[in-house]
Amino acid sequence: MANSYKIDYLELTSGNLAESSRFFAAAFGWNKIDYGPGYSGVADAGIDVGVAQAEKALNPLLPVIRTQDLEAARAQVVAAGGTITTEPFDFPGGRRFHFREPGGNELAVWIATE
């Protein structure tokens, strides 16, 4: 019988842990879980997420957040202090934009178009 492997945790690093937590709450309504100095979790993101304090964000992957309203999500990201790094663009099956949160991580938000 084969093992079943599924991603069940995503860990980000942040150059500013407090600002990353504040941003995720302001932009997406995700709640912070305090695990102690230098590490926090993010609740309600759809997958378990941890954020570790680091000298700077090390972003080897691109977390992508699904939404029902791309323009509203873009406005929330900007209002919360995020910086748009790639304006909304179309791709087969959807549309998305990329942004950097105050702790230095780059993420994307997408909407299905089909």
PDB file of N, CA and C in Angstrom:
ATOM      1  N   MET A   1       0.838  -1.175   0.000  1.00  0.00           N
ATOM      2  CA  MET A   1       0.000   0.000   0.000  1.00  0.00           C
ATOM      3  C   MET A   1       0.890   1.247   0.000  1.00  0.00           C
ATOM      4  N   ALA A   2       0.612   2.170  -0.888  1.00  0.00           N
ATOM      5  CA  ALA A   2       1.418   3.386  -1.022  1.00  0.00           C
ATOM      6  C   ALA A   2       1.068   4.403   0.052  1.00  0.00           C
ATOM      7  N   ASN A   3       2.063   5.145   0.467  1.00  0.00           N
ATOM      8  CA  ASN A   3       1.835   6.237   1.406  1.00  0.00           C
ATOM      9  C   ASN A   3       1.099   7.362   0.713  1.00  0.00           C
ATOM     10  N   SER A   4       0.322   8.092   1.476  1.00  0.00           N
ATOM     11  CA  SER A   4      -0.376   9.258   0.958  1.00  0.00           C
ATOM     12  C   SER A   4       0.308  10.495   1.514  1.00  0.00           C
ATOM     13  N   TYR A   5       0.936  11.268   0.652  1.00  0.00           N
ATOM     14  CA  TYR A   5       1.642  12.468   1.077  1.00  0.00           C
ATOM     15  C   TYR A   5       0.880  13.693   0.638  1.00  0.00           C
ATOM     16  N   LYS A   6       0.590  14.586   1.594  1.00  0.00           N
ATOM     17  CA  LYS A   6      -0.142  15.811   1.309  1.00  0.00           C
ATOM     18  C   LYS A   6       0.524  16.955   2.045  1.00  0.00           C
ATOM     19  N   ILE A   7       0.581  18.103   1.410  1.00  0.00           N
ATOM     20  CA  ILE A   7       1.089  19.285   2.092  1.00  0.00           C
ATOM     21  C   ILE A   7       0.054  19.698   3.131  1.00  0.00           C
ATOM     22  N   ASP A   8       0.497  19.808   4.390  1.00  0.00           N
ATOM     23  CA  ASP A   8      -0.448  20.220   5.427  1.00  0.00           C
ATOM     24  C   ASP A   8       0.076  21.376   6.266  1.00  0.00           C
ATOM     25  N   TYR A   9       1.240  21.932   5.895  1.00  0.00           N
ATOM     26  CA  TYR A   9       1.799  23.040   6.656  1.00  0.00           C
ATOM     27  C   TYR A   9       2.675  23.858   5.728  1.00  0.00           C
ATOM     28  N   LEU A  10       2.596  25.156   5.862  1.00  0.00           N
ATOM     29  CA  LEU A  10       3.403  26.077   5.077  1.00  0.00           C
ATOM     30  C   LEU A  10       4.116  26.995   6.049  1.00  0.00           C
ATOM     31  N   GLU A  11       5.437  27.071   5.946  1.00  0.00           N
ATOM     32  CA  GLU A  11       6.185  27.951   6.837  1.00  0.00           C
ATOM     33  C   GLU A  11       6.835  29.059   6.032  1.00  0.00           C
ATOM     34  N   LEU A  12       6.561  30.292   6.455  1.00  0.00           N
ATOM     35  CA  LEU A  12       7.164  31.474   5.866  1.00  0.00           C
ATOM     36  C   LEU A  12       8.202  32.019   6.831  1.00  0.00           C
ATOM     37  N   THR A  13       9.141  32.783   6.313  1.00  0.00           N
ATOM     38  CA  THR A  13      10.039  33.539   7.170  1.00  0.00           C
ATOM     39  C   THR A  13       9.692  35.009   6.994  1.00  0.00           C
ATOM     40  N   SER A  14      10.032  35.809   7.977  1.00  0.00           N
ATOM     41  CA  SER A  14       9.690  37.230   7.928  1.00  0.00           C
ATOM     42  C   SER A  14      10.816  38.074   8.502  1.00  0.00           C
ATOM     43  N   GLY A  15      11.118  39.150   7.828  1.00  0.00           N
ATOM     44  CA  GLY A  15      12.073  40.115   8.350  1.00  0.00           C
ATOM     45  C   GLY A  15      11.466  40.976   9.445  1.00  0.00           C
ATOM     46  N   ASN A  16      10.138  40.918   9.607  1.00  0.00           N
ATOM     47  CA  ASN A  16       9.455  41.686  10.643  1.00  0.00           C
ATOM     48  C   ASN A  16       8.195  40.914  11.041  1.00  0.00           C
ATOM     49  N   LEU A  17       8.347  40.022  11.990  1.00  0.00           N
ATOM     50  CA  LEU A  17       7.270  39.114  12.388  1.00  0.00           C
ATOM     51  C   LEU A  17       6.009  39.849  12.840  1.00  0.00           C
ATOM     52  N   ALA A  18       6.160  40.890  13.623  1.00  0.00           N
ATOM     53  CA  ALA A  18       4.989  41.636  14.110  1.00  0.00           C
ATOM     54  C   ALA A  18       4.228  42.266  12.946  1.00  0.00           C
ATOM     55  N   GLU A  19       4.945  42.845  12.000  1.00  0.00           N
ATOM     56  CA  GLU A  19       4.288  43.470  10.847  1.00  0.00           C
ATOM     57  C   GLU A  19       3.645  42.437   9.937  1.00  0.00           C
ATOM     58  N   SER A  20       4.274  41.277   9.774  1.00  0.00           N
ATOM     59  CA  SER A  20       3.663  40.218   8.966  1.00  0.00           C
ATOM     60  C   SER A  20       2.342  39.789   9.582  1.00  0.00           C
ATOM     61  N   SER A  21       2.321  39.576  10.892  1.00  0.00           N
ATOM     62  CA  SER A  21       1.095  39.161  11.577  1.00  0.00           C
ATOM     63  C   SER A  21       0.014  40.228  11.451  1.00  0.00           C
ATOM     64  N   ARG A  22       0.384  41.487  11.651  1.00  0.00           N
ATOM     65  CA  ARG A  22      -0.571  42.585  11.525  1.00  0.00           C
ATOM     66  C   ARG A  22      -1.130  42.648  10.105  1.00  0.00           C
ATOM     67  N   PHE A  23      -0.258  42.499   9.113  1.00  0.00           N
ATOM     68  CA  PHE A  23      -0.670  42.554   7.719  1.00  0.00           C
ATOM     69  C   PHE A  23      -1.655  41.437   7.392  1.00  0.00           C
ATOM     70  N   PHE A  24      -1.336  40.192   7.735  1.00  0.00           N
ATOM     71  CA  PHE A  24      -2.226  39.079   7.409  1.00  0.00           C
ATOM     72  C   PHE A  24      -3.601  39.258   8.048  1.00  0.00           C
ATOM     73  N   ALA A  25      -3.651  39.812   9.256  1.00  0.00           N
ATOM     74  CA  ALA A  25      -4.941  40.079   9.905  1.00  0.00           C
ATOM     75  C   ALA A  25      -5.691  41.188   9.180  1.00  0.00           C
ATOM     76  N   ALA A  26      -5.001  42.272   8.836  1.00  0.00           N
ATOM     77  CA  ALA A  26      -5.659  43.414   8.185  1.00  0.00           C
ATOM     78  C   ALA A  26      -6.093  43.102   6.759  1.00  0.00           C
ATOM     79  N   ALA A  27      -5.265  42.393   6.008  1.00  0.00           N
ATOM     80  CA  ALA A  27      -5.571  42.134   4.598  1.00  0.00           C
ATOM     81  C   ALA A  27      -6.551  40.987   4.407  1.00  0.00           C
ATOM     82  N   PHE A  28      -6.434  39.924   5.213  1.00  0.00           N
ATOM     83  CA  PHE A  28      -7.214  38.709   4.969  1.00  0.00           C
ATOM     84  C   PHE A  28      -8.050  38.226   6.158  1.00  0.00           C
ATOM     85  N   GLY A  29      -7.932  38.881   7.300  1.00  0.00           N
ATOM     86  CA  GLY A  29      -8.702  38.465   8.471  1.00  0.00           C
ATOM     87  C   GLY A  29      -8.152  37.230   9.153  1.00  0.00           C
ATOM     88  N   TRP A  30      -6.912  36.865   8.870  1.00  0.00           N
ATOM     89  CA  TRP A  30      -6.301  35.700   9.509  1.00  0.00           C
ATOM     90  C   TRP A  30      -5.829  36.085  10.904  1.00  0.00           C
ATOM     91  N   ASN A  31      -6.038  35.206  11.849  1.00  0.00           N
ATOM     92  CA  ASN A  31      -5.657  35.469  13.233  1.00  0.00           C
ATOM     93  C   ASN A  31      -4.276  34.905  13.538  1.00  0.00           C
ATOM     94  N   LYS A  32      -3.570  35.596  14.410  1.00  0.00           N
ATOM     95  CA  LYS A  32      -2.230  35.183  14.840  1.00  0.00           C
ATOM     96  C   LYS A  32      -2.345  34.167  15.963  1.00  0.00           C
ATOM     97  N   ILE A  33      -1.504  33.159  15.922  1.00  0.00           N
ATOM     98  CA  ILE A  33      -1.357  32.202  17.012  1.00  0.00           C
ATOM     99  C   ILE A  33       0.050  32.409  17.556  1.00  0.00           C
ATOM    100  N   ASP A  34       0.159  32.815  18.793  1.00  0.00           N
ATOM    101  CA  ASP A  34       1.459  33.109  19.383  1.00  0.00           C
ATOM    102  C   ASP A  34       2.091  31.829  19.903  1.00  0.00           C
ATOM    103  N   TYR A  35       3.240  31.442  19.328  1.00  0.00           N
ATOM    104  CA  TYR A  35       3.943  30.246  19.783  1.00  0.00           C
ATOM    105  C   TYR A  35       5.175  30.590  20.605  1.00  0.00           C
ATOM    106  N   GLY A  36       5.480  31.873  20.756  1.00  0.00           N
ATOM    107  CA  GLY A  36       6.640  32.280  21.535  1.00  0.00           C
ATOM    108  C   GLY A  36       7.515  33.222  20.735  1.00  0.00           C
ATOM    109  N   PRO A  37       8.625  33.625  21.331  1.00  0.00           N
ATOM    110  CA  PRO A  37       9.508  34.580  20.660  1.00  0.00           C
ATOM    111  C   PRO A  37       9.985  34.046  19.305  1.00  0.00           C
ATOM    112  N   GLY A  38       9.795  34.839  18.296  1.00  0.00           N
ATOM    113  CA  GLY A  38      10.335  34.502  16.993  1.00  0.00           C
ATOM    114  C   GLY A  38       9.513  33.570  16.140  1.00  0.00           C
ATOM    115  N   TYR A  39       8.332  33.163  16.608  1.00  0.00           N
ATOM    116  CA  TYR A  39       7.530  32.244  15.798  1.00  0.00           C
ATOM    117  C   TYR A  39       6.043  32.426  16.116  1.00  0.00           C
ATOM    118  N   SER A  40       5.245  32.524  15.061  1.00  0.00           N
ATOM    119  CA  SER A  40       3.792  32.591  15.255  1.00  0.00           C
ATOM    120  C   SER A  40       3.123  31.765  14.165  1.00  0.00           C
ATOM    121  N   GLY A  41       1.885  31.459  14.402  1.00  0.00           N
ATOM    122  CA  GLY A  41       1.083  30.745  13.425  1.00  0.00           C
ATOM    123  C   GLY A  41       0.024  31.667  12.857  1.00  0.00           C
ATOM    124  N   VAL A  42      -0.596  31.215  11.799  1.00  0.00           N
ATOM    125  CA  VAL A  42      -1.682  31.951  11.163  1.00  0.00           C
ATOM    126  C   VAL A  42      -2.894  31.024  11.143  1.00  0.00           C
ATOM    127  N   ALA A  43      -3.982  31.466  11.754  1.00  0.00           N
ATOM    128  CA  ALA A  43      -5.212  30.675  11.787  1.00  0.00           C
ATOM    129  C   ALA A  43      -6.144  31.134  10.673  1.00  0.00           C
ATOM    130  N   ASP A  44      -6.959  30.237  10.186  1.00  0.00           N
ATOM    131  CA  ASP A  44      -8.027  30.532   9.222  1.00  0.00           C
ATOM    132  C   ASP A  44      -7.526  30.798   7.809  1.00  0.00           C
ATOM    133  N   ALA A  45      -6.326  30.332   7.453  1.00  0.00           N
ATOM    134  CA  ALA A  45      -5.773  30.571   6.122  1.00  0.00           C
ATOM    135  C   ALA A  45      -6.099  29.446   5.138  1.00  0.00           C
ATOM    136  N   GLY A  46      -6.776  28.405   5.591  1.00  0.00           N
ATOM    137  CA  GLY A  46      -7.104  27.292   4.704  1.00  0.00           C
ATOM    138  C   GLY A  46      -6.091  26.159   4.776  1.00  0.00           C
ATOM    139  N   ILE A  47      -4.908  26.445   5.280  1.00  0.00           N
ATOM    140  CA  ILE A  47      -3.850  25.468   5.542  1.00  0.00           C
ATOM    141  C   ILE A  47      -3.098  25.995   6.756  1.00  0.00           C
ATOM    142  N   ASP A  48      -2.525  25.131   7.558  1.00  0.00           N
ATOM    143  CA  ASP A  48      -1.748  25.589   8.703  1.00  0.00           C
ATOM    144  C   ASP A  48      -0.515  26.326   8.206  1.00  0.00           C
ATOM    145  N   VAL A  49      -0.284  27.510   8.765  1.00  0.00           N
ATOM    146  CA  VAL A  49       0.836  28.350   8.360  1.00  0.00           C
ATOM    147  C   VAL A  49       1.601  28.790   9.592  1.00  0.00           C
ATOM    148  N   GLY A  50       2.919  28.725   9.508  1.00  0.00           N
ATOM    149  CA  GLY A  50       3.787  29.257  10.545  1.00  0.00           C
ATOM    150  C   GLY A  50       4.627  30.373   9.961  1.00  0.00           C
ATOM    151  N   VAL A  51       4.986  31.344  10.791  1.00  0.00           N
ATOM    152  CA  VAL A  51       5.837  32.446  10.351  1.00  0.00           C
ATOM    153  C   VAL A  51       6.984  32.559  11.347  1.00  0.00           C
ATOM    154  N   ALA A  52       8.203  32.404  10.834  1.00  0.00           N
ATOM    155  CA  ALA A  52       9.394  32.448  11.667  1.00  0.00           C
ATOM    156  C   ALA A  52      10.145  33.750  11.446  1.00  0.00           C
ATOM    157  N   GLN A  53      10.582  34.382  12.541  1.00  0.00           N
ATOM    158  CA  GLN A  53      11.398  35.587  12.447  1.00  0.00           C
ATOM    159  C   GLN A  53      12.738  35.212  11.823  1.00  0.00           C
ATOM    160  N   ALA A  54      13.188  36.014  10.883  1.00  0.00           N
ATOM    161  CA  ALA A  54      14.481  35.811  10.232  1.00  0.00           C
ATOM    162  C   ALA A  54      15.086  37.170   9.943  1.00  0.00           C
ATOM    163  N   GLU A  55      16.343  37.178   9.578  1.00  0.00           N
ATOM    164  CA  GLU A  55      16.984  38.452   9.227  1.00  0.00           C
ATOM    165  C   GLU A  55      16.244  39.109   8.076  1.00  0.00           C
ATOM    166  N   LYS A  56      15.847  38.312   7.103  1.00  0.00           N
ATOM    167  CA  LYS A  56      15.009  38.783   6.000  1.00  0.00           C
ATOM    168  C   LYS A  56      14.190  37.602   5.516  1.00  0.00           C
ATOM    169  N   ALA A  57      13.116  37.895   4.793  1.00  0.00           N
ATOM    170  CA  ALA A  57      12.257  36.829   4.278  1.00  0.00           C
ATOM    171  C   ALA A  57      13.028  35.984   3.278  1.00  0.00           C
ATOM    172  N   LEU A  58      12.911  34.694   3.400  1.00  0.00           N
ATOM    173  CA  LEU A  58      13.483  33.744   2.447  1.00  0.00           C
ATOM    174  C   LEU A  58      12.300  33.119   1.737  1.00  0.00           C
ATOM    175  N   ASN A  59      12.050  33.513   0.525  1.00  0.00           N
ATOM    176  CA  ASN A  59      10.809  33.143  -0.150  1.00  0.00           C
ATOM    177  C   ASN A  59      11.057  32.151  -1.282  1.00  0.00           C
ATOM    178  N   PRO A  60      11.305  30.875  -0.939  1.00  0.00           N
ATOM    179  CA  PRO A  60      11.610  29.902  -1.985  1.00  0.00           C
ATOM    180  C   PRO A  60      10.382  29.390  -2.740  1.00  0.00           C
ATOM    181  N   LEU A  61       9.190  29.765  -2.287  1.00  0.00           N
ATOM    182  CA  LEU A  61       7.978  29.326  -2.963  1.00  0.00           C
ATOM    183  C   LEU A  61       7.009  30.489  -3.023  1.00  0.00           C
ATOM    184  N   LEU A  62       5.956  30.331  -3.782  1.00  0.00           N
ATOM    185  CA  LEU A  62       4.974  31.400  -3.916  1.00  0.00           C
ATOM    186  C   LEU A  62       3.639  30.916  -3.367  1.00  0.00           C
ATOM    187  N   PRO A  63       3.295  31.300  -2.138  1.00  0.00           N
ATOM    188  CA  PRO A  63       1.967  30.973  -1.632  1.00  0.00           C
ATOM    189  C   PRO A  63       0.921  31.738  -2.444  1.00  0.00           C
ATOM    190  N   VAL A  64      -0.130  31.052  -2.843  1.00  0.00           N
ATOM    191  CA  VAL A  64      -1.179  31.666  -3.661  1.00  0.00           C
ATOM    192  C   VAL A  64      -2.506  31.542  -2.927  1.00  0.00           C
ATOM    193  N   ILE A  65      -3.185  32.668  -2.768  1.00  0.00           N
ATOM    194  CA  ILE A  65      -4.438  32.761  -2.019  1.00  0.00           C
ATOM    195  C   ILE A  65      -5.582  32.892  -3.016  1.00  0.00           C
ATOM    196  N   ARG A  66      -6.604  32.083  -2.863  1.00  0.00           N
ATOM    197  CA  ARG A  66      -7.767  32.155  -3.751  1.00  0.00           C
ATOM    198  C   ARG A  66      -8.784  33.136  -3.199  1.00  0.00           C
ATOM    199  N   THR A  67      -9.423  33.901  -4.095  1.00  0.00           N
ATOM    200  CA  THR A  67     -10.428  34.879  -3.691  1.00  0.00           C
ATOM    201  C   THR A  67     -11.624  34.816  -4.628  1.00  0.00           C
ATOM    202  N   GLN A  68     -12.697  35.464  -4.237  1.00  0.00           N
ATOM    203  CA  GLN A  68     -13.880  35.600  -5.080  1.00  0.00           C
ATOM    204  C   GLN A  68     -13.960  36.988  -5.707  1.00  0.00           C
ATOM    205  N   ASP A  69     -13.102  37.923  -5.257  1.00  0.00           N
ATOM    206  CA  ASP A  69     -13.112  39.301  -5.759  1.00  0.00           C
ATOM    207  C   ASP A  69     -11.680  39.820  -5.793  1.00  0.00           C
ATOM    208  N   LEU A  70     -11.059  39.748  -6.952  1.00  0.00           N
ATOM    209  CA  LEU A  70      -9.649  40.099  -7.090  1.00  0.00           C
ATOM    210  C   LEU A  70      -9.385  41.572  -6.797  1.00  0.00           C
ATOM    211  N   GLU A  71     -10.230  42.443  -7.289  1.00  0.00           N
ATOM    212  CA  GLU A  71     -10.008  43.883  -7.071  1.00  0.00           C
ATOM    213  C   GLU A  71     -10.157  44.251  -5.596  1.00  0.00           C
ATOM    214  N   ALA A  72     -11.126  43.660  -4.919  1.00  0.00           N
ATOM    215  CA  ALA A  72     -11.287  43.921  -3.484  1.00  0.00           C
ATOM    216  C   ALA A  72     -10.079  43.401  -2.710  1.00  0.00           C
ATOM    217  N   ALA A  73      -9.581  42.224  -3.084  1.00  0.00           N
ATOM    218  CA  ALA A  73      -8.405  41.669  -2.413  1.00  0.00           C
ATOM    219  C   ALA A  73      -7.192  42.568  -2.635  1.00  0.00           C
ATOM    220  N   ARG A  74      -7.030  43.087  -3.862  1.00  0.00           N
ATOM    221  CA  ARG A  74      -5.913  43.988  -4.163  1.00  0.00           C
ATOM    222  C   ARG A  74      -6.006  45.250  -3.296  1.00  0.00           C
ATOM    223  N   ALA A  75      -7.195  45.801  -3.185  1.00  0.00           N
ATOM    224  CA  ALA A  75      -7.393  47.001  -2.374  1.00  0.00           C
ATOM    225  C   ALA A  75      -7.072  46.726  -0.906  1.00  0.00           C
ATOM    226  N   GLN A  76      -7.472  45.571  -0.386  1.00  0.00           N
ATOM    227  CA  GLN A  76      -7.201  45.214   1.002  1.00  0.00           C
ATOM    228  C   GLN A  76      -5.702  45.045   1.240  1.00  0.00           C
ATOM    229  N   VAL A  77      -5.010  44.422   0.279  1.00  0.00           N
ATOM    230  CA  VAL A  77      -3.564  44.239   0.396  1.00  0.00           C
ATOM    231  C   VAL A  77      -2.870  45.598   0.495  1.00  0.00           C
ATOM    232  N   VAL A  78      -3.227  46.514  -0.386  1.00  0.00           N
ATOM    233  CA  VAL A  78      -2.618  47.852  -0.391  1.00  0.00           C
ATOM    234  C   VAL A  78      -2.964  48.607   0.896  1.00  0.00           C
ATOM    235  N   ALA A  79      -4.235  48.546   1.308  1.00  0.00           N
ATOM    236  CA  ALA A  79      -4.669  49.251   2.520  1.00  0.00           C
ATOM    237  C   ALA A  79      -3.959  48.723   3.766  1.00  0.00           C
ATOM    238  N   ALA A  80      -3.622  47.444   3.756  1.00  0.00           N
ATOM    239  CA  ALA A  80      -2.953  46.837   4.905  1.00  0.00           C
ATOM    240  C   ALA A  80      -1.444  47.072   4.898  1.00  0.00           C
ATOM    241  N   GLY A  81      -0.925  47.698   3.842  1.00  0.00           N
ATOM    242  CA  GLY A  81       0.502  48.005   3.787  1.00  0.00           C
ATOM    243  C   GLY A  81       1.308  47.122   2.873  1.00  0.00           C
ATOM    244  N   GLY A  82       0.648  46.279   2.076  1.00  0.00           N
ATOM    245  CA  GLY A  82       1.357  45.441   1.110  1.00  0.00           C
ATOM    246  C   GLY A  82       1.768  46.249  -0.112  1.00  0.00           C
ATOM    247  N   THR A  83       2.761  45.758  -0.824  1.00  0.00           N
ATOM    248  CA  THR A  83       3.253  46.400  -2.042  1.00  0.00           C
ATOM    249  C   THR A  83       2.986  45.481  -3.221  1.00  0.00           C
ATOM    250  N   ILE A  84       2.274  45.978  -4.211  1.00  0.00           N
ATOM    251  CA  ILE A  84       1.996  45.178  -5.406  1.00  0.00           C
ATOM    252  C   ILE A  84       3.286  45.040  -6.198  1.00  0.00           C
ATOM    253  N   THR A  85       3.702  43.813  -6.475  1.00  0.00           N
ATOM    254  CA  THR A  85       4.921  43.573  -7.243  1.00  0.00           C
ATOM    255  C   THR A  85       4.623  43.189  -8.684  1.00  0.00           C
ATOM    256  N   THR A  86       3.447  42.621  -8.934  1.00  0.00           N
ATOM    257  CA  THR A  86       2.988  42.301 -10.287  1.00  0.00           C
ATOM    258  C   THR A  86       1.506  42.628 -10.350  1.00  0.00           C
ATOM    259  N   GLU A  87       1.150  43.558 -11.207  1.00  0.00           N
ATOM    260  CA  GLU A  87      -0.256  43.954 -11.360  1.00  0.00           C
ATOM    261  C   GLU A  87      -1.081  42.767 -11.864  1.00  0.00           C
ATOM    262  N   PRO A  88      -2.406  42.806 -11.676  1.00  0.00           N
ATOM    263  CA  PRO A  88      -3.250  41.692 -12.122  1.00  0.00           C
ATOM    264  C   PRO A  88      -3.020  41.341 -13.591  1.00  0.00           C
ATOM    265  N   PHE A  89      -2.953  40.031 -13.839  1.00  0.00           N
ATOM    266  CA  PHE A  89      -2.764  39.536 -15.200  1.00  0.00           C
ATOM    267  C   PHE A  89      -3.587  38.268 -15.390  1.00  0.00           C
ATOM    268  N   ASP A  90      -3.921  38.000 -16.638  1.00  0.00           N
ATOM    269  CA  ASP A  90      -4.695  36.810 -16.993  1.00  0.00           C
ATOM    270  C   ASP A  90      -3.757  35.642 -17.260  1.00  0.00           C
ATOM    271  N   PHE A  91      -4.231  34.457 -16.928  1.00  0.00           N
ATOM    272  CA  PHE A  91      -3.544  33.218 -17.292  1.00  0.00           C
ATOM    273  C   PHE A  91      -4.644  32.199 -17.556  1.00  0.00           C
ATOM    274  N   PRO A  92      -4.349  31.089 -18.211  1.00  0.00           N
ATOM    275  CA  PRO A  92      -5.408  30.119 -18.517  1.00  0.00           C
ATOM    276  C   PRO A  92      -6.147  29.671 -17.252  1.00  0.00           C
ATOM    277  N   GLY A  93      -7.422  29.991 -17.167  1.00  0.00           N
ATOM    278  CA  GLY A  93      -8.254  29.584 -16.040  1.00  0.00           C
ATOM    279  C   GLY A  93      -8.382  30.601 -14.930  1.00  0.00           C
ATOM    280  N   GLY A  94      -7.670  31.724 -15.041  1.00  0.00           N
ATOM    281  CA  GLY A  94      -7.772  32.677 -13.949  1.00  0.00           C
ATOM    282  C   GLY A  94      -7.081  33.990 -14.191  1.00  0.00           C
ATOM    283  N   ARG A  95      -7.018  34.746 -13.119  1.00  0.00           N
ATOM    284  CA  ARG A  95      -6.391  36.066 -13.109  1.00  0.00           C
ATOM    285  C   ARG A  95      -5.757  36.225 -11.727  1.00  0.00           C
ATOM    286  N   ARG A  96      -4.571  36.860 -11.653  1.00  0.00           N
ATOM    287  CA  ARG A  96      -3.929  37.020 -10.354  1.00  0.00           C
ATOM    288  C   ARG A  96      -3.008  38.234 -10.329  1.00  0.00           C
ATOM    289  N   PHE A  97      -2.610  38.595  -9.099  1.00  0.00           N
ATOM    290  CA  PHE A  97      -1.580  39.605  -8.882  1.00  0.00           C
ATOM    291  C   PHE A  97      -0.634  39.091  -7.805  1.00  0.00           C
ATOM    292  N   HIS A  98       0.561  39.676  -7.749  1.00  0.00           N
ATOM    293  CA  HIS A  98       1.549  39.323  -6.744  1.00  0.00           C
ATOM    294  C   HIS A  98       1.781  40.539  -5.845  1.00  0.00           C
ATOM    295  N   PHE A  99       2.144  40.282  -4.606  1.00  0.00           N
ATOM    296  CA  PHE A  99       2.432  41.365  -3.676  1.00  0.00           C
ATOM    297  C   PHE A  99       3.480  40.931  -2.664  1.00  0.00           C
ATOM    298  N   ARG A 100       4.094  41.921  -2.024  1.00  0.00           N
ATOM    299  CA  ARG A 100       5.036  41.669  -0.941  1.00  0.00           C
ATOM    300  C   ARG A 100       4.426  42.246   0.329  1.00  0.00           C
ATOM    301  N   GLU A 101       4.375  41.423   1.385  1.00  0.00           N
ATOM    302  CA  GLU A 101       3.859  41.902   2.665  1.00  0.00           C
ATOM    303  C   GLU A 101       5.006  42.563   3.425  1.00  0.00           C
ATOM    304  N   PRO A 102       4.710  43.350   4.478  1.00  0.00           N
ATOM    305  CA  PRO A 102       5.744  44.133   5.145  1.00  0.00           C
ATOM    306  C   PRO A 102       6.927  43.342   5.695  1.00  0.00           C
ATOM    307  N   GLY A 103       6.750  42.069   5.984  1.00  0.00           N
ATOM    308  CA  GLY A 103       7.854  41.243   6.477  1.00  0.00           C
ATOM    309  C   GLY A 103       8.771  40.752   5.378  1.00  0.00           C
ATOM    310  N   GLY A 104       8.404  40.991   4.109  1.00  0.00           N
ATOM    311  CA  GLY A 104       9.269  40.654   2.982  1.00  0.00           C
ATOM    312  C   GLY A 104       8.837  39.478   2.139  1.00  0.00           C
ATOM    313  N   ASN A 105       7.786  38.753   2.529  1.00  0.00           N
ATOM    314  CA  ASN A 105       7.346  37.595   1.745  1.00  0.00           C
ATOM    315  C   ASN A 105       6.544  38.018   0.524  1.00  0.00           C
ATOM    316  N   GLU A 106       6.786  37.347  -0.583  1.00  0.00           N
ATOM    317  CA  GLU A 106       5.968  37.572  -1.779  1.00  0.00           C
ATOM    318  C   GLU A 106       4.900  36.489  -1.839  1.00  0.00           C
ATOM    319  N   LEU A 107       3.668  36.913  -2.079  1.00  0.00           N
ATOM    320  CA  LEU A 107       2.533  36.026  -2.215  1.00  0.00           C
ATOM    321  C   LEU A 107       1.740  36.449  -3.442  1.00  0.00           C
ATOM    322  N   ALA A 108       0.733  35.675  -3.789  1.00  0.00           N
ATOM    323  CA  ALA A 108      -0.140  36.029  -4.906  1.00  0.00           C
ATOM    324  C   ALA A 108      -1.580  35.788  -4.493  1.00  0.00           C
ATOM    325  N   VAL A 109      -2.491  36.477  -5.169  1.00  0.00           N
ATOM    326  CA  VAL A 109      -3.928  36.262  -4.980  1.00  0.00           C
ATOM    327  C   VAL A 109      -4.502  35.987  -6.355  1.00  0.00           C
ATOM    328  N   TRP A 110      -5.366  34.965  -6.461  1.00  0.00           N
ATOM    329  CA  TRP A 110      -5.944  34.629  -7.758  1.00  0.00           C
ATOM    330  C   TRP A 110      -7.442  34.408  -7.673  1.00  0.00           C
ATOM    331  N   ILE A 111      -8.062  34.506  -8.830  1.00  0.00           N
ATOM    332  CA  ILE A 111      -9.489  34.212  -8.972  1.00  0.00           C
ATOM    333  C   ILE A 111      -9.658  33.346 -10.211  1.00  0.00           C
ATOM    334  N   ALA A 112     -10.526  32.354 -10.118  1.00  0.00           N
ATOM    335  CA  ALA A 112     -10.822  31.514 -11.281  1.00  0.00           C
ATOM    336  C   ALA A 112     -11.718  32.285 -12.231  1.00  0.00           C
ATOM    337  N   THR A 113     -11.491  32.099 -13.517  1.00  0.00           N
ATOM    338  CA  THR A 113     -12.316  32.779 -14.510  1.00  0.00           C
ATOM    339  C   THR A 113     -13.173  31.807 -15.310  1.00  0.00           C
ATOM    340  N   GLU A 114     -13.094  30.547 -15.024  1.00  0.00           N
ATOM    341  CA  GLU A 114     -13.900  29.563 -15.748  1.00  0.00           C
ATOM    342  C   GLU A 114     -14.937  28.932 -14.853  1.00  0.00           C
TER     343      GLU A 114
END
